[in-house]
Amino acid sequence: MFEKYKDRVEFLLVYIREAHATDGWQVPRNVKEGILLENAKTMEQKEEHATSCARKLDIKFPTLLDGMDNKVELAYTAWPDRLYLVDKNGRIAYKSKPGPGGFKPVELEAAIRQELGLD
């Protein structure tokens, strides 16, 4: 979707916190894959986690960091992860259910197309 709309839509990843931290809700798959990160205690650690995440997932667009106060996470009910489309006026045009199970790329693309006036 990024490749298709990157010239008309600004894509951003906002890294809020590690979803499966070793000192939180660790999952067997992360252990198997060697993804063993504790909850960040500093912004520097959070930046390292976010950089690693973006690299491993081959994210091609900018990654932003939520602060240690979790304001973005709380304001957007972002945990564990969500997809959002913010319209030209700064309003939420689309909000997915919690991911990854709640991610419906077809719905997000429909919202993008509507926002761009392509439908």
PDB file of N, CA and C in Angstrom:
ATOM      1  N   MET A   1       0.828  -1.181   0.000  1.00  0.00           N
ATOM      2  CA  MET A   1       0.000   0.000   0.000  1.00  0.00           C
ATOM      3  C   MET A   1       0.880   1.255   0.000  1.00  0.00           C
ATOM      4  N   PHE A   2       1.963   1.191   0.763  1.00  0.00           N
ATOM      5  CA  PHE A   2       2.900   2.312   0.795  1.00  0.00           C
ATOM      6  C   PHE A   2       3.403   2.615  -0.612  1.00  0.00           C
ATOM      7  N   GLU A   3       3.847   1.600  -1.327  1.00  0.00           N
ATOM      8  CA  GLU A   3       4.369   1.811  -2.681  1.00  0.00           C
ATOM      9  C   GLU A   3       3.306   2.421  -3.594  1.00  0.00           C
ATOM     10  N   LYS A   4       2.087   1.993  -3.440  1.00  0.00           N
ATOM     11  CA  LYS A   4       0.998   2.451  -4.304  1.00  0.00           C
ATOM     12  C   LYS A   4       0.608   3.907  -4.051  1.00  0.00           C
ATOM     13  N   TYR A   5       0.645   4.344  -2.786  1.00  0.00           N
ATOM     14  CA  TYR A   5       0.127   5.669  -2.428  1.00  0.00           C
ATOM     15  C   TYR A   5       1.179   6.627  -1.865  1.00  0.00           C
ATOM     16  N   LYS A   6       2.434   6.240  -1.855  1.00  0.00           N
ATOM     17  CA  LYS A   6       3.466   7.034  -1.175  1.00  0.00           C
ATOM     18  C   LYS A   6       3.610   8.459  -1.704  1.00  0.00           C
ATOM     19  N   ASP A   7       3.205   8.705  -2.949  1.00  0.00           N
ATOM     20  CA  ASP A   7       3.305  10.054  -3.492  1.00  0.00           C
ATOM     21  C   ASP A   7       2.121  10.940  -3.110  1.00  0.00           C
ATOM     22  N   ARG A   8       1.076  10.335  -2.514  1.00  0.00           N
ATOM     23  CA  ARG A   8      -0.131  11.099  -2.171  1.00  0.00           C
ATOM     24  C   ARG A   8      -0.507  11.021  -0.697  1.00  0.00           C
ATOM     25  N   VAL A   9       0.083  10.064   0.034  1.00  0.00           N
ATOM     26  CA  VAL A   9      -0.241   9.861   1.445  1.00  0.00           C
ATOM     27  C   VAL A   9       1.069   9.771   2.226  1.00  0.00           C
ATOM     28  N   GLU A  10       1.145  10.460   3.341  1.00  0.00           N
ATOM     29  CA  GLU A  10       2.327  10.356   4.196  1.00  0.00           C
ATOM     30  C   GLU A  10       2.136   9.181   5.142  1.00  0.00           C
ATOM     31  N   PHE A  11       3.001   8.191   5.022  1.00  0.00           N
ATOM     32  CA  PHE A  11       2.957   7.016   5.879  1.00  0.00           C
ATOM     33  C   PHE A  11       3.957   7.198   7.007  1.00  0.00           C
ATOM     34  N   LEU A  12       3.541   6.868   8.218  1.00  0.00           N
ATOM     35  CA  LEU A  12       4.398   6.951   9.403  1.00  0.00           C
ATOM     36  C   LEU A  12       4.153   5.739  10.286  1.00  0.00           C
ATOM     37  N   LEU A  13       5.199   5.259  10.910  1.00  0.00           N
ATOM     38  CA  LEU A  13       5.089   4.260  11.967  1.00  0.00           C
ATOM     39  C   LEU A  13       5.376   4.992  13.265  1.00  0.00           C
ATOM     40  N   VAL A  14       4.473   4.905  14.214  1.00  0.00           N
ATOM     41  CA  VAL A  14       4.726   5.479  15.529  1.00  0.00           C
ATOM     42  C   VAL A  14       4.991   4.307  16.467  1.00  0.00           C
ATOM     43  N   TYR A  15       6.238   4.210  16.918  1.00  0.00           N
ATOM     44  CA  TYR A  15       6.627   3.137  17.813  1.00  0.00           C
ATOM     45  C   TYR A  15       6.227   3.544  19.222  1.00  0.00           C
ATOM     46  N   ILE A  16       5.327   2.756  19.835  1.00  0.00           N
ATOM     47  CA  ILE A  16       4.836   3.118  21.165  1.00  0.00           C
ATOM     48  C   ILE A  16       5.589   2.380  22.272  1.00  0.00           C
ATOM     49  N   ARG A  17       5.684   1.067  22.129  1.00  0.00           N
ATOM     50  CA  ARG A  17       6.441   0.245  23.094  1.00  0.00           C
ATOM     51  C   ARG A  17       6.517  -1.172  22.555  1.00  0.00           C
ATOM     52  N   GLU A  18       7.400  -1.940  23.139  1.00  0.00           N
ATOM     53  CA  GLU A  18       7.575  -3.325  22.697  1.00  0.00           C
ATOM     54  C   GLU A  18       6.347  -4.139  23.107  1.00  0.00           C
ATOM     55  N   ALA A  19       5.698  -4.737  22.137  1.00  0.00           N
ATOM     56  CA  ALA A  19       4.465  -5.485  22.402  1.00  0.00           C
ATOM     57  C   ALA A  19       4.719  -6.780  23.168  1.00  0.00           C
ATOM     58  N   HIS A  20       5.875  -7.372  22.946  1.00  0.00           N
ATOM     59  CA  HIS A  20       6.163  -8.677  23.557  1.00  0.00           C
ATOM     60  C   HIS A  20       7.500  -8.638  24.299  1.00  0.00           C
ATOM     61  N   ALA A  21       7.596  -7.721  25.224  1.00  0.00           N
ATOM     62  CA  ALA A  21       8.831  -7.541  25.980  1.00  0.00           C
ATOM     63  C   ALA A  21       9.120  -8.748  26.879  1.00  0.00           C
ATOM     64  N   THR A  22      10.418  -8.995  27.107  1.00  0.00           N
ATOM     65  CA  THR A  22      10.814 -10.113  27.962  1.00  0.00           C
ATOM     66  C   THR A  22      10.333  -9.919  29.393  1.00  0.00           C
ATOM     67  N   ASP A  23      10.179  -8.678  29.818  1.00  0.00           N
ATOM     68  CA  ASP A  23       9.691  -8.400  31.171  1.00  0.00           C
ATOM     69  C   ASP A  23       8.204  -8.023  31.147  1.00  0.00           C
ATOM     70  N   GLY A  24       7.529  -8.492  30.119  1.00  0.00           N
ATOM     71  CA  GLY A  24       6.096  -8.224  29.975  1.00  0.00           C
ATOM     72  C   GLY A  24       5.403  -9.458  29.428  1.00  0.00           C
ATOM     73  N   TRP A  25       4.852  -9.343  28.250  1.00  0.00           N
ATOM     74  CA  TRP A  25       4.082 -10.415  27.626  1.00  0.00           C
ATOM     75  C   TRP A  25       4.910 -11.071  26.519  1.00  0.00           C
ATOM     76  N   GLN A  26       5.898 -11.839  26.894  1.00  0.00           N
ATOM     77  CA  GLN A  26       6.773 -12.534  25.947  1.00  0.00           C
ATOM     78  C   GLN A  26       5.999 -13.676  25.284  1.00  0.00           C
ATOM     79  N   VAL A  27       6.238 -13.878  23.999  1.00  0.00           N
ATOM     80  CA  VAL A  27       5.577 -14.958  23.276  1.00  0.00           C
ATOM     81  C   VAL A  27       6.629 -15.934  22.751  1.00  0.00           C
ATOM     82  N   PRO A  28       6.277 -17.230  22.657  1.00  0.00           N
ATOM     83  CA  PRO A  28       7.240 -18.244  22.213  1.00  0.00           C
ATOM     84  C   PRO A  28       7.863 -17.935  20.851  1.00  0.00           C
ATOM     85  N   ARG A  29       7.093 -17.363  19.942  1.00  0.00           N
ATOM     86  CA  ARG A  29       7.637 -17.072  18.606  1.00  0.00           C
ATOM     87  C   ARG A  29       8.814 -16.103  18.694  1.00  0.00           C
ATOM     88  N   ASN A  30       8.705 -15.085  19.555  1.00  0.00           N
ATOM     89  CA  ASN A  30       9.814 -14.139  19.711  1.00  0.00           C
ATOM     90  C   ASN A  30      11.054 -14.832  20.260  1.00  0.00           C
ATOM     91  N   VAL A  31      10.865 -15.745  21.196  1.00  0.00           N
ATOM     92  CA  VAL A  31      11.997 -16.493  21.753  1.00  0.00           C
ATOM     93  C   VAL A  31      12.653 -17.305  20.635  1.00  0.00           C
ATOM     94  N   LYS A  32      11.838 -18.004  19.862  1.00  0.00           N
ATOM     95  CA  LYS A  32      12.339 -18.828  18.756  1.00  0.00           C
ATOM     96  C   LYS A  32      13.110 -17.988  17.742  1.00  0.00           C
ATOM     97  N   GLU A  33      12.616 -16.770  17.461  1.00  0.00           N
ATOM     98  CA  GLU A  33      13.245 -15.902  16.470  1.00  0.00           C
ATOM     99  C   GLU A  33      14.347 -15.016  17.055  1.00  0.00           C
ATOM    100  N   GLY A  34      14.605 -15.156  18.366  1.00  0.00           N
ATOM    101  CA  GLY A  34      15.666 -14.376  18.994  1.00  0.00           C
ATOM    102  C   GLY A  34      15.330 -12.907  19.172  1.00  0.00           C
ATOM    103  N   ILE A  35      14.047 -12.585  19.225  1.00  0.00           N
ATOM    104  CA  ILE A  35      13.623 -11.202  19.454  1.00  0.00           C
ATOM    105  C   ILE A  35      13.349 -11.063  20.945  1.00  0.00           C
ATOM    106  N   LEU A  36      14.366 -10.653  21.662  1.00  0.00           N
ATOM    107  CA  LEU A  36      14.304 -10.614  23.124  1.00  0.00           C
ATOM    108  C   LEU A  36      14.627  -9.207  23.609  1.00  0.00           C
ATOM    109  N   LEU A  37      13.599  -8.406  23.733  1.00  0.00           N
ATOM    110  CA  LEU A  37      13.747  -7.022  24.156  1.00  0.00           C
ATOM    111  C   LEU A  37      12.956  -6.779  25.423  1.00  0.00           C
ATOM    112  N   GLU A  38      13.591  -6.118  26.385  1.00  0.00           N
ATOM    113  CA  GLU A  38      12.853  -5.731  27.584  1.00  0.00           C
ATOM    114  C   GLU A  38      12.166  -4.398  27.315  1.00  0.00           C
ATOM    115  N   ASN A  39      11.221  -4.041  28.149  1.00  0.00           N
ATOM    116  CA  ASN A  39      10.596  -2.729  28.025  1.00  0.00           C
ATOM    117  C   ASN A  39      11.673  -1.660  28.146  1.00  0.00           C
ATOM    118  N   ALA A  40      11.609  -0.673  27.273  1.00  0.00           N
ATOM    119  CA  ALA A  40      12.594   0.405  27.281  1.00  0.00           C
ATOM    120  C   ALA A  40      12.482   1.216  28.565  1.00  0.00           C
ATOM    121  N   LYS A  41      13.622   1.520  29.125  1.00  0.00           N
ATOM    122  CA  LYS A  41      13.676   2.332  30.351  1.00  0.00           C
ATOM    123  C   LYS A  41      14.064   3.778  30.044  1.00  0.00           C
ATOM    124  N   THR A  42      14.610   4.004  28.833  1.00  0.00           N
ATOM    125  CA  THR A  42      15.042   5.338  28.414  1.00  0.00           C
ATOM    126  C   THR A  42      14.615   5.567  26.963  1.00  0.00           C
ATOM    127  N   MET A  43      14.626   6.818  26.540  1.00  0.00           N
ATOM    128  CA  MET A  43      14.315   7.120  25.141  1.00  0.00           C
ATOM    129  C   MET A  43      15.370   6.513  24.217  1.00  0.00           C
ATOM    130  N   GLU A  44      16.599   6.433  24.676  1.00  0.00           N
ATOM    131  CA  GLU A  44      17.651   5.834  23.851  1.00  0.00           C
ATOM    132  C   GLU A  44      17.348   4.357  23.594  1.00  0.00           C
ATOM    133  N   GLN A  45      16.924   3.639  24.628  1.00  0.00           N
ATOM    134  CA  GLN A  45      16.551   2.232  24.453  1.00  0.00           C
ATOM    135  C   GLN A  45      15.340   2.109  23.531  1.00  0.00           C
ATOM    136  N   LYS A  46      14.368   2.992  23.712  1.00  0.00           N
ATOM    137  CA  LYS A  46      13.170   2.956  22.871  1.00  0.00           C
ATOM    138  C   LYS A  46      13.548   3.195  21.414  1.00  0.00           C
ATOM    139  N   GLU A  47      14.463   4.124  21.182  1.00  0.00           N
ATOM    140  CA  GLU A  47      14.918   4.394  19.812  1.00  0.00           C
ATOM    141  C   GLU A  47      15.626   3.168  19.226  1.00  0.00           C
ATOM    142  N   GLU A  48      16.429   2.490  20.031  1.00  0.00           N
ATOM    143  CA  GLU A  48      17.091   1.266  19.563  1.00  0.00           C
ATOM    144  C   GLU A  48      16.061   0.202  19.197  1.00  0.00           C
ATOM    145  N   HIS A  49      15.049   0.028  20.027  1.00  0.00           N
ATOM    146  CA  HIS A  49      13.991  -0.949  19.758  1.00  0.00           C
ATOM    147  C   HIS A  49      13.256  -0.606  18.461  1.00  0.00           C
ATOM    148  N   ALA A  50      12.901   0.675  18.309  1.00  0.00           N
ATOM    149  CA  ALA A  50      12.174   1.113  17.123  1.00  0.00           C
ATOM    150  C   ALA A  50      13.007   0.928  15.854  1.00  0.00           C
ATOM    151  N   THR A  51      14.279   1.251  15.931  1.00  0.00           N
ATOM    152  CA  THR A  51      15.177   1.087  14.784  1.00  0.00           C
ATOM    153  C   THR A  51      15.287  -0.376  14.398  1.00  0.00           C
ATOM    154  N   SER A  52      15.443  -1.233  15.398  1.00  0.00           N
ATOM    155  CA  SER A  52      15.515  -2.672  15.149  1.00  0.00           C
ATOM    156  C   SER A  52      14.228  -3.184  14.523  1.00  0.00           C
ATOM    157  N   CYS A  53      13.105  -2.755  15.039  1.00  0.00           N
ATOM    158  CA  CYS A  53      11.790  -3.152  14.524  1.00  0.00           C
ATOM    159  C   CYS A  53      11.654  -2.744  13.063  1.00  0.00           C
ATOM    160  N   ALA A  54      11.932  -1.495  12.756  1.00  0.00           N
ATOM    161  CA  ALA A  54      11.790  -0.990  11.384  1.00  0.00           C
ATOM    162  C   ALA A  54      12.714  -1.734  10.427  1.00  0.00           C
ATOM    163  N   ARG A  55      13.922  -2.024  10.892  1.00  0.00           N
ATOM    164  CA  ARG A  55      14.878  -2.740  10.050  1.00  0.00           C
ATOM    165  C   ARG A  55      14.418  -4.176   9.794  1.00  0.00           C
ATOM    166  N   LYS A  56      14.035  -4.880  10.849  1.00  0.00           N
ATOM    167  CA  LYS A  56      13.627  -6.290  10.707  1.00  0.00           C
ATOM    168  C   LYS A  56      12.357  -6.435   9.875  1.00  0.00           C
ATOM    169  N   LEU A  57      11.450  -5.472   9.977  1.00  0.00           N
ATOM    170  CA  LEU A  57      10.198  -5.528   9.222  1.00  0.00           C
ATOM    171  C   LEU A  57      10.313  -4.848   7.851  1.00  0.00           C
ATOM    172  N   ASP A  58      11.514  -4.320   7.562  1.00  0.00           N
ATOM    173  CA  ASP A  58      11.786  -3.649   6.284  1.00  0.00           C
ATOM    174  C   ASP A  58      10.790  -2.515   6.022  1.00  0.00           C
ATOM    175  N   ILE A  59      10.547  -1.712   7.061  1.00  0.00           N
ATOM    176  CA  ILE A  59       9.653  -0.559   6.961  1.00  0.00           C
ATOM    177  C   ILE A  59      10.357   0.514   6.127  1.00  0.00           C
ATOM    178  N   LYS A  60       9.706   1.000   5.105  1.00  0.00           N
ATOM    179  CA  LYS A  60      10.323   1.942   4.163  1.00  0.00           C
ATOM    180  C   LYS A  60       9.926   3.397   4.411  1.00  0.00           C
ATOM    181  N   PHE A  61       9.161   3.653   5.468  1.00  0.00           N
ATOM    182  CA  PHE A  61       8.736   5.020   5.741  1.00  0.00           C
ATOM    183  C   PHE A  61       9.208   5.420   7.132  1.00  0.00           C
ATOM    184  N   PRO A  62       9.142   6.715   7.462  1.00  0.00           N
ATOM    185  CA  PRO A  62       9.683   7.207   8.733  1.00  0.00           C
ATOM    186  C   PRO A  62       9.040   6.552   9.959  1.00  0.00           C
ATOM    187  N   THR A  63       9.875   6.379  10.970  1.00  0.00           N
ATOM    188  CA  THR A  63       9.440   5.856  12.261  1.00  0.00           C
ATOM    189  C   THR A  63       9.571   6.971  13.298  1.00  0.00           C
ATOM    190  N   LEU A  64       8.495   7.221  14.017  1.00  0.00           N
ATOM    191  CA  LEU A  64       8.484   8.211  15.089  1.00  0.00           C
ATOM    192  C   LEU A  64       8.389   7.482  16.413  1.00  0.00           C
ATOM    193  N   LEU A  65       8.796   8.144  17.487  1.00  0.00           N
ATOM    194  CA  LEU A  65       8.753   7.540  18.818  1.00  0.00           C
ATOM    195  C   LEU A  65       7.732   8.235  19.707  1.00  0.00           C
ATOM    196  N   ASP A  66       6.930   7.434  20.382  1.00  0.00           N
ATOM    197  CA  ASP A  66       6.101   7.955  21.460  1.00  0.00           C
ATOM    198  C   ASP A  66       7.043   8.259  22.619  1.00  0.00           C
ATOM    199  N   GLY A  67       6.700   9.227  23.426  1.00  0.00           N
ATOM    200  CA  GLY A  67       7.533   9.548  24.581  1.00  0.00           C
ATOM    201  C   GLY A  67       7.417   8.494  25.675  1.00  0.00           C
ATOM    202  N   MET A  68       8.250   8.616  26.673  1.00  0.00           N
ATOM    203  CA  MET A  68       8.218   7.673  27.794  1.00  0.00           C
ATOM    204  C   MET A  68       6.918   7.819  28.584  1.00  0.00           C
ATOM    205  N   ASP A  69       6.198   8.926  28.388  1.00  0.00           N
ATOM    206  CA  ASP A  69       4.919   9.141  29.066  1.00  0.00           C
ATOM    207  C   ASP A  69       3.752   8.442  28.350  1.00  0.00           C
ATOM    208  N   ASN A  70       4.026   7.842  27.185  1.00  0.00           N
ATOM    209  CA  ASN A  70       3.020   7.082  26.418  1.00  0.00           C
ATOM    210  C   ASN A  70       1.814   7.910  25.988  1.00  0.00           C
ATOM    211  N   LYS A  71       1.980   9.201  25.792  1.00  0.00           N
ATOM    212  CA  LYS A  71       0.848  10.066  25.429  1.00  0.00           C
ATOM    213  C   LYS A  71       0.182   9.646  24.119  1.00  0.00           C
ATOM    214  N   VAL A  72       0.975   9.294  23.122  1.00  0.00           N
ATOM    215  CA  VAL A  72       0.397   8.891  21.831  1.00  0.00           C
ATOM    216  C   VAL A  72      -0.359   7.576  21.983  1.00  0.00           C
ATOM    217  N   GLU A  73       0.265   6.624  22.654  1.00  0.00           N
ATOM    218  CA  GLU A  73      -0.389   5.333  22.886  1.00  0.00           C
ATOM    219  C   GLU A  73      -1.743   5.518  23.566  1.00  0.00           C
ATOM    220  N   LEU A  74      -1.777   6.343  24.583  1.00  0.00           N
ATOM    221  CA  LEU A  74      -3.014   6.553  25.330  1.00  0.00           C
ATOM    222  C   LEU A  74      -4.048   7.346  24.524  1.00  0.00           C
ATOM    223  N   ALA A  75      -3.610   8.380  23.831  1.00  0.00           N
ATOM    224  CA  ALA A  75      -4.535   9.212  23.068  1.00  0.00           C
ATOM    225  C   ALA A  75      -5.176   8.455  21.909  1.00  0.00           C
ATOM    226  N   TYR A  76      -4.415   7.535  21.320  1.00  0.00           N
ATOM    227  CA  TYR A  76      -4.918   6.805  20.148  1.00  0.00           C
ATOM    228  C   TYR A  76      -5.306   5.361  20.452  1.00  0.00           C
ATOM    229  N   THR A  77      -5.355   4.991  21.718  1.00  0.00           N
ATOM    230  CA  THR A  77      -5.613   3.595  22.096  1.00  0.00           C
ATOM    231  C   THR A  77      -4.854   2.657  21.159  1.00  0.00           C
ATOM    232  N   ALA A  78      -3.548   2.867  21.112  1.00  0.00           N
ATOM    233  CA  ALA A  78      -2.697   2.250  20.091  1.00  0.00           C
ATOM    234  C   ALA A  78      -2.156   0.867  20.442  1.00  0.00           C
ATOM    235  N   TRP A  79      -2.241   0.436  21.704  1.00  0.00           N
ATOM    236  CA  TRP A  79      -1.655  -0.861  22.050  1.00  0.00           C
ATOM    237  C   TRP A  79      -2.626  -1.975  21.728  1.00  0.00           C
ATOM    238  N   PRO A  80      -2.220  -3.105  21.163  1.00  0.00           N
ATOM    239  CA  PRO A  80      -0.844  -3.423  20.813  1.00  0.00           C
ATOM    240  C   PRO A  80      -0.390  -2.754  19.517  1.00  0.00           C
ATOM    241  N   ASP A  81      -1.265  -2.559  18.586  1.00  0.00           N
ATOM    242  CA  ASP A  81      -0.968  -1.783  17.387  1.00  0.00           C
ATOM    243  C   ASP A  81      -2.264  -1.516  16.635  1.00  0.00           C
ATOM    244  N   ARG A  82      -2.250  -0.462  15.869  1.00  0.00           N
ATOM    245  CA  ARG A  82      -3.442  -0.044  15.112  1.00  0.00           C
ATOM    246  C   ARG A  82      -2.993   0.607  13.809  1.00  0.00           C
ATOM    247  N   LEU A  83      -3.938   0.680  12.892  1.00  0.00           N
ATOM    248  CA  LEU A  83      -3.753   1.428  11.656  1.00  0.00           C
ATOM    249  C   LEU A  83      -4.691   2.622  11.697  1.00  0.00           C
ATOM    250  N   TYR A  84      -4.171   3.781  11.341  1.00  0.00           N
ATOM    251  CA  TYR A  84      -4.967   5.011  11.309  1.00  0.00           C
ATOM    252  C   TYR A  84      -4.779   5.710   9.977  1.00  0.00           C
ATOM    253  N   LEU A  85      -5.817   6.400   9.566  1.00  0.00           N
ATOM    254  CA  LEU A  85      -5.720   7.353   8.466  1.00  0.00           C
ATOM    255  C   LEU A  85      -6.202   8.680   9.021  1.00  0.00           C
ATOM    256  N   VAL A  86      -5.346   9.673   8.933  1.00  0.00           N
ATOM    257  CA  VAL A  86      -5.682  11.018   9.386  1.00  0.00           C
ATOM    258  C   VAL A  86      -5.940  11.862   8.139  1.00  0.00           C
ATOM    259  N   ASP A  87      -7.078  12.530   8.095  1.00  0.00           N
ATOM    260  CA  ASP A  87      -7.423  13.290   6.889  1.00  0.00           C
ATOM    261  C   ASP A  87      -6.655  14.608   6.817  1.00  0.00           C
ATOM    262  N   LYS A  88      -6.904  15.354   5.759  1.00  0.00           N
ATOM    263  CA  LYS A  88      -6.206  16.623   5.501  1.00  0.00           C
ATOM    264  C   LYS A  88      -6.424  17.649   6.596  1.00  0.00           C
ATOM    265  N   ASN A  89      -7.521  17.505   7.345  1.00  0.00           N
ATOM    266  CA  ASN A  89      -7.831  18.444   8.418  1.00  0.00           C
ATOM    267  C   ASN A  89      -7.361  17.974   9.789  1.00  0.00           C
ATOM    268  N   GLY A  90      -6.626  16.853   9.803  1.00  0.00           N
ATOM    269  CA  GLY A  90      -6.111  16.331  11.065  1.00  0.00           C
ATOM    270  C   GLY A  90      -7.105  15.492  11.840  1.00  0.00           C
ATOM    271  N   ARG A  91      -8.193  15.098  11.199  1.00  0.00           N
ATOM    272  CA  ARG A  91      -9.201  14.264  11.862  1.00  0.00           C
ATOM    273  C   ARG A  91      -8.998  12.800  11.489  1.00  0.00           C
ATOM    274  N   ILE A  92      -9.403  11.918  12.380  1.00  0.00           N
ATOM    275  CA  ILE A  92      -9.299  10.482  12.128  1.00  0.00           C
ATOM    276  C   ILE A  92     -10.338  10.090  11.078  1.00  0.00           C
ATOM    277  N   ALA A  93      -9.857   9.617   9.928  1.00  0.00           N
ATOM    278  CA  ALA A  93     -10.745   9.173   8.855  1.00  0.00           C
ATOM    279  C   ALA A  93     -10.927   7.661   8.893  1.00  0.00           C
ATOM    280  N   TYR A  94      -9.989   6.960   9.516  1.00  0.00           N
ATOM    281  CA  TYR A  94     -10.090   5.501   9.636  1.00  0.00           C
ATOM    282  C   TYR A  94      -9.267   5.064  10.844  1.00  0.00           C
ATOM    283  N   LYS A  95      -9.828   4.121  11.602  1.00  0.00           N
ATOM    284  CA  LYS A  95      -9.130   3.527  12.749  1.00  0.00           C
ATOM    285  C   LYS A  95      -9.421   2.042  12.715  1.00  0.00           C
ATOM    286  N   SER A  96      -8.365   1.233  12.655  1.00  0.00           N
ATOM    287  CA  SER A  96      -8.559  -0.219  12.641  1.00  0.00           C
ATOM    288  C   SER A  96      -8.866  -0.729  14.038  1.00  0.00           C
ATOM    289  N   LYS A  97      -9.316  -1.930  14.100  1.00  0.00           N
ATOM    290  CA  LYS A  97      -9.412  -2.627  15.377  1.00  0.00           C
ATOM    291  C   LYS A  97      -7.987  -3.016  15.774  1.00  0.00           C
ATOM    292  N   PRO A  98      -7.755  -3.423  17.033  1.00  0.00           N
ATOM    293  CA  PRO A  98      -6.394  -3.777  17.440  1.00  0.00           C
ATOM    294  C   PRO A  98      -5.799  -4.861  16.539  1.00  0.00           C
ATOM    295  N   GLY A  99      -4.534  -4.668  16.227  1.00  0.00           N
ATOM    296  CA  GLY A  99      -3.837  -5.616  15.347  1.00  0.00           C
ATOM    297  C   GLY A  99      -3.103  -6.671  16.119  1.00  0.00           C
ATOM    298  N   PRO A 100      -2.544  -7.575  15.409  1.00  0.00           N
ATOM    299  CA  PRO A 100      -2.629  -7.635  13.954  1.00  0.00           C
ATOM    300  C   PRO A 100      -3.949  -8.222  13.443  1.00  0.00           C
ATOM    301  N   GLY A 101      -4.708  -8.903  14.287  1.00  0.00           N
ATOM    302  CA  GLY A 101      -5.950  -9.516  13.843  1.00  0.00           C
ATOM    303  C   GLY A 101      -6.987  -8.524  13.339  1.00  0.00           C
ATOM    304  N   GLY A 102      -6.948  -7.303  13.843  1.00  0.00           N
ATOM    305  CA  GLY A 102      -7.911  -6.299  13.443  1.00  0.00           C
ATOM    306  C   GLY A 102      -7.532  -5.519  12.201  1.00  0.00           C
ATOM    307  N   PHE A 103      -6.354  -5.800  11.664  1.00  0.00           N
ATOM    308  CA  PHE A 103      -5.918  -5.088  10.464  1.00  0.00           C
ATOM    309  C   PHE A 103      -6.676  -5.609   9.251  1.00  0.00           C
ATOM    310  N   LYS A 104      -7.328  -4.718   8.575  1.00  0.00           N
ATOM    311  CA  LYS A 104      -8.066  -5.041   7.353  1.00  0.00           C
ATOM    312  C   LYS A 104      -7.551  -4.109   6.254  1.00  0.00           C
ATOM    313  N   PRO A 105      -6.499  -4.525   5.551  1.00  0.00           N
ATOM    314  CA  PRO A 105      -5.914  -3.656   4.519  1.00  0.00           C
ATOM    315  C   PRO A 105      -6.930  -3.164   3.492  1.00  0.00           C
ATOM    316  N   VAL A 106      -7.910  -3.984   3.164  1.00  0.00           N
ATOM    317  CA  VAL A 106      -8.931  -3.573   2.196  1.00  0.00           C
ATOM    318  C   VAL A 106      -9.702  -2.367   2.728  1.00  0.00           C
ATOM    319  N   GLU A 107     -10.016  -2.367   4.017  1.00  0.00           N
ATOM    320  CA  GLU A 107     -10.730  -1.239   4.623  1.00  0.00           C
ATOM    321  C   GLU A 107      -9.868   0.021   4.622  1.00  0.00           C
ATOM    322  N   LEU A 108      -8.603  -0.134   4.986  1.00  0.00           N
ATOM    323  CA  LEU A 108      -7.704   1.026   5.002  1.00  0.00           C
ATOM    324  C   LEU A 108      -7.558   1.594   3.598  1.00  0.00           C
ATOM    325  N   GLU A 109      -7.375   0.732   2.618  1.00  0.00           N
ATOM    326  CA  GLU A 109      -7.228   1.230   1.248  1.00  0.00           C
ATOM    327  C   GLU A 109      -8.501   1.921   0.782  1.00  0.00           C
ATOM    328  N   ALA A 110      -9.644   1.411   1.133  1.00  0.00           N
ATOM    329  CA  ALA A 110     -10.914   2.064   0.762  1.00  0.00           C
ATOM    330  C   ALA A 110     -10.987   3.458   1.382  1.00  0.00           C
ATOM    331  N   ALA A 111     -10.554   3.584   2.627  1.00  0.00           N
ATOM    332  CA  ALA A 111     -10.560   4.893   3.292  1.00  0.00           C
ATOM    333  C   ALA A 111      -9.571   5.846   2.614  1.00  0.00           C
ATOM    334  N   ILE A 112      -8.418   5.334   2.221  1.00  0.00           N
ATOM    335  CA  ILE A 112      -7.436   6.158   1.507  1.00  0.00           C
ATOM    336  C   ILE A 112      -8.025   6.630   0.177  1.00  0.00           C
ATOM    337  N   ARG A 113      -8.600   5.711  -0.556  1.00  0.00           N
ATOM    338  CA  ARG A 113      -9.181   6.049  -1.869  1.00  0.00           C
ATOM    339  C   ARG A 113     -10.297   7.096  -1.717  1.00  0.00           C
ATOM    340  N   GLN A 114     -11.107   6.942  -0.687  1.00  0.00           N
ATOM    341  CA  GLN A 114     -12.174   7.917  -0.449  1.00  0.00           C
ATOM    342  C   GLN A 114     -11.575   9.279  -0.115  1.00  0.00           C
ATOM    343  N   GLU A 115     -10.584   9.286   0.746  1.00  0.00           N
ATOM    344  CA  GLU A 115      -9.945  10.548   1.140  1.00  0.00           C
ATOM    345  C   GLU A 115      -9.293  11.246  -0.058  1.00  0.00           C
ATOM    346  N   LEU A 116      -8.744  10.464  -0.969  1.00  0.00           N
ATOM    347  CA  LEU A 116      -8.089  11.038  -2.147  1.00  0.00           C
ATOM    348  C   LEU A 116      -9.073  11.348  -3.278  1.00  0.00           C
ATOM    349  N   GLY A 117     -10.344  10.994  -3.078  1.00  0.00           N
ATOM    350  CA  GLY A 117     -11.346  11.235  -4.105  1.00  0.00           C
ATOM    351  C   GLY A 117     -11.206  10.328  -5.307  1.00  0.00           C
ATOM    352  N   LEU A 118     -10.731   9.111  -5.075  1.00  0.00           N
ATOM    353  CA  LEU A 118     -10.519   8.160  -6.168  1.00  0.00           C
ATOM    354  C   LEU A 118     -11.720   7.246  -6.377  1.00  0.00           C
ATOM    355  N   ASP A 119     -12.709   7.314  -5.508  1.00  0.00           N
ATOM    356  CA  ASP A 119     -13.907   6.476  -5.650  1.00  0.00           C
ATOM    357  C   ASP A 119     -15.105   7.305  -5.999  1.00  0.00           C
TER     358      ASP A 119
END
